[in-house]
Amino acid sequence: MSGQAWPAALLGVALGAALGYLGVRFSPRWLTRPAPRWLSASLVAGIALAAGLLGYFHRLTPYFWHQLALVAILLAAAFIDLQDHIIPNDLVLVGLAVWLPAMLLFPYDGKTWLSALGGGAAAFAFFYLLAVLVPDGMGMGDVKLALVMGLFLGAGWVAMALILAFLLGGLASAVLLATRRVGRRGHIPFGPFLAAGGLITILWGSQIWNWYAG
């Protein structure tokens, strides 16, 4: 790490750990059964690590502050979906409530209101259509989380995040089916794959695009 990256990464870790702790504290209101301690600890550690990487790669730029909340929301959604197969409305509402001040307080180059609103609308419409056509494969929680991702990431980047989510979800499903960890009619929550696609795009989206375009 360069000297400039250290403070940003350490601050990211501290803020991520605090957000993870809040997630663990509030998650019981959404869960029907207590989460194992190792899973709760993993949530705190995961958000801290992701926020630290966000600080390392993007320093304390407006982009860092804009995307910090989305990092925490995505990992909290994955945590709850893994535990209880649900993405709670309250978590989605937190994302919507944070998005507006993030747009106003932390604008950054290339992010416009048109891109944000277009990304949110497109992601919501696409996932809503999937939920209607394949009700057993996509829940409304995934639809609402896609909306939040679209608003934070914008039209271009949310497309990358969703493509990565489907690629990762398809690969994981193939492995689980091949190893008979789940049956053909078994339910595999999609929230963790949405979170993974979003995090990869937040942290390395520009590098992926440059590699693809080059």
Protein backbone atom coordinates (compact mmCIF):
# COMPACT_ATOMS: atom_id res chain seq x y z
CA MET A 1 0.00 0.00 0.00
CA SER A 2 1.10 3.55 -0.62
CA GLY A 3 1.15 6.07 2.21
CA GLN A 4 -2.09 7.60 0.98
CA ALA A 5 -3.85 4.24 0.89
CA TRP A 6 -3.09 3.22 4.49
CA PRO A 7 -5.26 5.84 6.26
CA ALA A 8 -8.16 5.31 3.82
CA ALA A 9 -7.99 1.52 4.15
CA LEU A 10 -7.80 1.61 7.95
CA LEU A 11 -10.67 4.08 8.18
CA GLY A 12 -12.65 1.85 5.83
CA VAL A 13 -12.02 -1.17 8.05
CA ALA A 14 -13.13 0.76 11.15
CA LEU A 15 -16.28 2.11 9.50
CA GLY A 16 -17.06 -1.26 7.97
CA ALA A 17 -16.72 -3.01 11.31
CA ALA A 18 -19.07 -0.45 12.89
CA LEU A 19 -21.64 -0.94 10.14
CA GLY A 20 -21.29 -4.72 10.45
CA TYR A 21 -21.86 -4.52 14.19
CA LEU A 22 -25.04 -2.51 13.60
CA GLY A 23 -26.16 -5.15 11.10
CA VAL A 24 -25.64 -7.92 13.64
CA ARG A 25 -27.49 -5.94 16.29
CA PHE A 26 -30.50 -5.28 14.06
CA SER A 27 -30.63 -8.61 12.20
CA PRO A 28 -32.57 -10.52 14.94
CA ARG A 29 -35.68 -8.44 14.15
CA TRP A 30 -35.63 -9.90 10.63
CA LEU A 31 -34.67 -13.51 11.39
CA THR A 32 -36.93 -16.33 12.50
CA ARG A 33 -34.04 -18.15 14.20
CA PRO A 34 -30.83 -16.92 15.81
CA ALA A 35 -27.82 -16.72 13.53
CA PRO A 36 -24.75 -18.76 14.55
CA ARG A 37 -22.03 -16.67 16.13
CA TRP A 38 -19.57 -17.56 13.39
CA LEU A 39 -21.99 -16.21 10.77
CA SER A 40 -22.51 -12.96 12.68
CA ALA A 41 -18.75 -12.58 13.11
CA SER A 42 -18.30 -13.27 9.41
CA LEU A 43 -20.71 -10.43 8.57
CA VAL A 44 -18.72 -7.93 10.66
CA ALA A 45 -15.41 -9.16 9.25
CA GLY A 46 -16.74 -9.22 5.69
CA ILE A 47 -18.05 -5.64 5.75
CA ALA A 48 -14.86 -4.45 7.44
CA LEU A 49 -12.69 -6.13 4.79
CA ALA A 50 -14.82 -4.88 1.88
CA ALA A 51 -14.85 -1.32 3.23
CA GLY A 52 -11.09 -1.50 3.76
CA LEU A 53 -10.59 -2.57 0.16
CA LEU A 54 -12.90 0.24 -0.96
CA GLY A 55 -10.68 2.70 0.88
CA TYR A 56 -7.52 1.12 -0.50
CA PHE A 57 -8.58 1.24 -4.14
CA HIS A 58 -10.55 4.49 -4.11
CA ARG A 59 -9.04 6.45 -1.19
CA LEU A 60 -11.38 8.84 0.65
CA THR A 61 -12.91 10.13 -2.56
CA PRO A 62 -16.60 10.95 -3.05
CA TYR A 63 -16.89 7.49 -4.64
CA PHE A 64 -15.76 5.88 -1.36
CA TRP A 65 -18.38 7.68 0.71
CA HIS A 66 -21.08 7.17 -1.92
CA GLN A 67 -20.59 3.40 -2.11
CA LEU A 68 -19.76 2.65 1.55
CA ALA A 69 -23.40 2.22 2.54
CA LEU A 70 -24.10 -0.03 -0.46
CA VAL A 71 -21.22 -2.32 0.56
CA ALA A 72 -22.77 -2.76 4.01
CA ILE A 73 -26.31 -3.21 2.64
CA LEU A 74 -25.23 -5.86 0.13
CA LEU A 75 -23.35 -7.94 2.68
CA ALA A 76 -26.13 -7.62 5.26
CA ALA A 77 -28.64 -8.75 2.62
CA ALA A 78 -26.46 -11.75 1.76
CA PHE A 79 -26.13 -12.62 5.46
CA ILE A 80 -29.88 -12.52 6.08
CA ASP A 81 -30.75 -14.31 2.84
CA LEU A 82 -28.33 -17.14 3.66
CA GLN A 83 -29.76 -17.48 7.14
CA ASP A 84 -33.47 -17.03 6.51
CA HIS A 85 -34.02 -16.90 2.72
CA ILE A 86 -35.38 -13.36 2.86
CA ILE A 87 -34.18 -9.84 2.06
CA PRO A 88 -36.15 -7.62 4.46
CA ASN A 89 -37.99 -4.51 3.33
CA ASP A 90 -36.42 -2.51 6.17
CA LEU A 91 -32.95 -3.08 4.70
CA VAL A 92 -34.13 -1.96 1.27
CA LEU A 93 -35.70 1.15 2.82
CA VAL A 94 -32.39 1.96 4.49
CA GLY A 95 -30.73 1.81 1.09
CA LEU A 96 -33.33 4.11 -0.45
CA ALA A 97 -33.07 6.54 2.47
CA VAL A 98 -29.26 6.71 2.21
CA TRP A 99 -29.14 6.96 -1.58
CA LEU A 100 -30.61 10.47 -1.88
CA PRO A 101 -28.19 12.21 0.55
CA ALA A 102 -25.33 10.19 -0.99
CA MET A 103 -26.21 11.62 -4.42
CA LEU A 104 -26.42 15.13 -3.00
CA LEU A 105 -23.39 15.08 -0.72
CA PHE A 106 -20.96 12.85 -2.61
CA PRO A 107 -21.30 13.36 -6.37
CA TYR A 108 -18.46 11.99 -8.47
CA ASP A 109 -17.44 12.10 -12.12
CA GLY A 110 -19.53 9.99 -14.45
CA LYS A 111 -22.47 9.62 -12.05
CA THR A 112 -25.60 11.54 -13.01
CA TRP A 113 -29.17 11.52 -11.78
CA LEU A 114 -30.26 10.13 -15.14
CA SER A 115 -27.80 7.23 -14.86
CA ALA A 116 -28.83 6.49 -11.26
CA LEU A 117 -32.57 6.60 -11.89
CA GLY A 118 -32.23 4.72 -15.17
CA GLY A 119 -30.12 2.03 -13.51
CA GLY A 120 -32.60 1.61 -10.69
CA ALA A 121 -35.61 1.47 -13.01
CA ALA A 122 -33.97 -0.97 -15.44
CA ALA A 123 -32.73 -3.31 -12.70
CA PHE A 124 -36.10 -3.27 -10.96
CA ALA A 125 -38.04 -3.91 -14.18
CA PHE A 126 -35.78 -6.76 -15.27
CA PHE A 127 -35.90 -8.54 -11.92
CA TYR A 128 -39.63 -7.95 -11.53
CA LEU A 129 -40.17 -9.62 -14.89
CA LEU A 130 -38.05 -12.57 -13.77
CA ALA A 131 -40.00 -12.82 -10.51
CA VAL A 132 -43.28 -12.93 -12.44
CA LEU A 133 -42.07 -15.45 -15.01
CA VAL A 134 -40.10 -17.64 -12.58
CA PRO A 135 -41.72 -17.08 -9.15
CA ASP A 136 -39.87 -20.02 -7.58
CA GLY A 137 -36.49 -18.75 -8.75
CA MET A 138 -36.58 -15.04 -7.89
CA GLY A 139 -38.16 -13.36 -4.87
CA MET A 140 -39.39 -9.81 -4.44
CA GLY A 141 -36.55 -9.18 -2.02
CA ASP A 142 -34.11 -9.73 -4.89
CA VAL A 143 -36.16 -7.35 -7.03
CA LYS A 144 -35.99 -4.58 -4.43
CA LEU A 145 -32.29 -5.13 -3.77
CA ALA A 146 -31.61 -4.86 -7.52
CA LEU A 147 -33.41 -1.49 -7.45
CA VAL A 148 -31.10 -0.22 -4.70
CA MET A 149 -28.04 -1.51 -6.57
CA GLY A 150 -29.17 0.26 -9.73
CA LEU A 151 -29.63 3.56 -7.95
CA PHE A 152 -26.19 3.45 -6.32
CA LEU A 153 -24.24 2.03 -9.26
CA GLY A 154 -25.96 3.65 -12.23
CA ALA A 155 -27.13 2.12 -15.48
CA GLY A 156 -23.81 0.92 -16.89
CA TRP A 157 -22.28 -0.49 -13.74
CA VAL A 158 -25.40 -2.23 -12.47
CA ALA A 159 -25.50 -4.14 -15.76
CA MET A 160 -22.01 -5.45 -15.02
CA ALA A 161 -22.99 -6.30 -11.43
CA LEU A 162 -26.04 -8.29 -12.55
CA ILE A 163 -24.12 -10.16 -15.24
CA LEU A 164 -21.49 -11.14 -12.66
CA ALA A 165 -24.25 -12.16 -10.22
CA PHE A 166 -25.83 -14.50 -12.75
CA LEU A 167 -22.48 -15.95 -13.77
CA LEU A 168 -21.53 -16.63 -10.15
CA GLY A 169 -25.00 -17.95 -9.34
CA GLY A 170 -24.97 -20.29 -12.31
CA LEU A 171 -21.51 -21.61 -11.47
CA ALA A 172 -22.39 -22.17 -7.81
CA SER A 173 -25.68 -23.87 -8.72
CA ALA A 174 -23.89 -26.21 -11.12
CA VAL A 175 -21.37 -27.17 -8.45
CA LEU A 176 -24.06 -27.72 -5.80
CA LEU A 177 -26.13 -29.84 -8.17
CA ALA A 178 -23.11 -31.83 -9.32
CA THR A 179 -22.09 -32.56 -5.73
CA ARG A 180 -25.73 -33.23 -4.75
CA ARG A 181 -25.66 -30.61 -2.02
CA VAL A 182 -29.05 -29.49 -3.31
CA GLY A 183 -31.67 -31.20 -5.45
CA ARG A 184 -33.05 -29.91 -8.73
CA ARG A 185 -36.05 -28.48 -6.88
CA GLY A 186 -33.95 -27.11 -4.02
CA HIS A 187 -33.87 -23.37 -3.33
CA ILE A 188 -30.57 -21.50 -3.63
CA PRO A 189 -30.84 -17.90 -2.34
CA PHE A 190 -29.78 -15.36 -4.95
CA GLY A 191 -29.04 -12.50 -2.54
CA PRO A 192 -25.43 -13.58 -1.90
CA PHE A 193 -24.73 -13.63 -5.64
CA LEU A 194 -26.26 -10.18 -6.07
CA ALA A 195 -24.01 -9.00 -3.26
CA ALA A 196 -20.94 -10.62 -4.82
CA GLY A 197 -21.65 -9.11 -8.24
CA GLY A 198 -22.20 -5.70 -6.69
CA LEU A 199 -19.05 -5.82 -4.57
CA ILE A 200 -16.84 -6.93 -7.45
CA THR A 201 -18.23 -4.10 -9.57
CA ILE A 202 -17.79 -1.51 -6.80
CA LEU A 203 -14.18 -2.51 -6.16
CA TRP A 204 -12.89 -3.55 -9.58
CA GLY A 205 -15.51 -2.51 -12.13
CA SER A 206 -13.22 -0.10 -13.98
CA GLN A 207 -10.42 -2.64 -14.23
CA ILE A 208 -12.82 -5.31 -15.51
CA TRP A 209 -14.21 -2.96 -18.13
CA ASN A 210 -10.73 -1.87 -19.27
CA TRP A 211 -9.71 -5.51 -19.57
CA TYR A 212 -12.84 -6.36 -21.52
CA ALA A 213 -12.66 -3.31 -23.79
CA GLY A 214 -8.93 -3.73 -24.38
